[in-house]
């Protein structure tokens, strides 16, 4: 448990992270920042989650953007 205290993603679901990013940037800007079809072509939370759960590199980009957006100083 002590290992996770400095991890900003600890306790956050992928869905929560994605919803916060979409609320902050919108789909258009999010699709510009992270070039994946589920953000640019008929985007939805469900289709994006399905893709991100199967695609580690894309999930990593979303998590990195989340940290840069909400935790950078």
Protein backbone atom coordinates (compact mmCIF):
# COMPACT_ATOMS: atom_id res chain seq x y z
CA UNK A 1 0.00 0.00 0.00
CA UNK A 2 2.85 2.42 0.79
CA UNK A 3 4.21 1.92 -2.74
CA UNK A 4 1.07 3.50 -4.21
CA UNK A 5 0.86 6.68 -2.14
CA UNK A 6 2.75 8.73 -4.74
CA UNK A 7 1.00 7.21 -7.75
CA UNK A 8 -1.56 9.76 -9.06
CA UNK A 9 -3.44 6.98 -10.88
CA UNK A 10 -3.94 4.85 -7.78
CA UNK A 11 -7.63 4.25 -7.16
CA UNK A 12 -8.74 5.77 -10.48
CA UNK A 13 -10.44 3.65 -13.08
CA UNK A 14 -9.63 3.96 -16.76
CA UNK A 15 -13.20 5.12 -17.32
CA UNK A 16 -12.85 7.92 -14.77
CA UNK A 17 -9.55 9.02 -16.31
CA UNK A 18 -11.05 9.06 -19.81
CA UNK A 19 -14.20 10.92 -18.74
CA UNK A 20 -12.11 13.61 -17.02
CA UNK A 21 -9.92 14.03 -20.11
CA UNK A 22 -12.95 14.26 -22.42
CA UNK A 23 -14.59 16.81 -20.09
CA UNK A 24 -11.39 18.87 -20.02
CA UNK A 25 -10.30 18.66 -23.68
CA UNK A 26 -13.31 17.45 -25.64
CA UNK A 27 -13.09 14.68 -28.21
CA UNK A 28 -11.57 16.85 -30.96
CA UNK A 29 -8.64 18.06 -28.88
CA UNK A 30 -8.15 14.65 -27.29
CA UNK A 31 -8.02 13.08 -30.76
CA UNK A 32 -5.43 15.65 -31.77
CA UNK A 33 -3.27 14.99 -28.71
CA UNK A 34 -3.56 11.19 -28.91
CA UNK A 35 -4.03 9.96 -32.47
CA UNK A 36 -6.33 6.97 -32.19
CA UNK A 37 -9.46 6.33 -34.24
CA UNK A 38 -11.70 5.77 -31.23
CA UNK A 39 -11.10 9.45 -30.33
CA UNK A 40 -11.52 10.86 -33.84
CA UNK A 41 -14.10 8.75 -35.69
CA UNK A 42 -17.49 8.53 -34.01
CA UNK A 43 -16.00 8.72 -30.51
CA UNK A 44 -17.67 7.30 -27.44
CA UNK A 45 -16.55 6.37 -23.95
CA UNK A 46 -17.48 2.70 -24.43
CA UNK A 47 -15.67 2.20 -27.74
CA UNK A 48 -12.62 4.05 -26.44
CA UNK A 49 -12.51 1.98 -23.25
CA UNK A 50 -12.75 -1.23 -25.24
CA UNK A 51 -9.81 -0.18 -27.42
CA UNK A 52 -7.70 1.17 -24.54
CA UNK A 53 -8.13 -2.00 -22.49
CA UNK A 54 -6.75 -4.08 -25.38
CA UNK A 55 -3.98 -1.68 -26.44
CA UNK A 56 -1.29 -1.04 -23.82
CA UNK A 57 0.58 1.69 -25.76
CA UNK A 58 -2.62 3.72 -26.20
CA UNK A 59 -3.61 3.29 -22.56
CA UNK A 60 -0.14 4.48 -21.53
CA UNK A 61 -0.55 7.61 -23.65
CA UNK A 62 -3.92 8.35 -22.03
CA UNK A 63 -2.51 7.85 -18.53
CA UNK A 64 0.52 10.02 -19.33
CA UNK A 65 -1.70 12.81 -20.67
CA UNK A 66 -3.88 12.59 -17.57
CA UNK A 67 -0.87 12.99 -15.30
CA UNK A 68 0.55 15.88 -17.38
CA UNK A 69 -2.84 17.59 -17.43
CA UNK A 70 -3.91 17.26 -13.82
CA UNK A 71 -0.71 16.72 -11.86
CA UNK A 72 2.02 18.73 -13.55
CA UNK A 73 3.31 21.81 -11.80
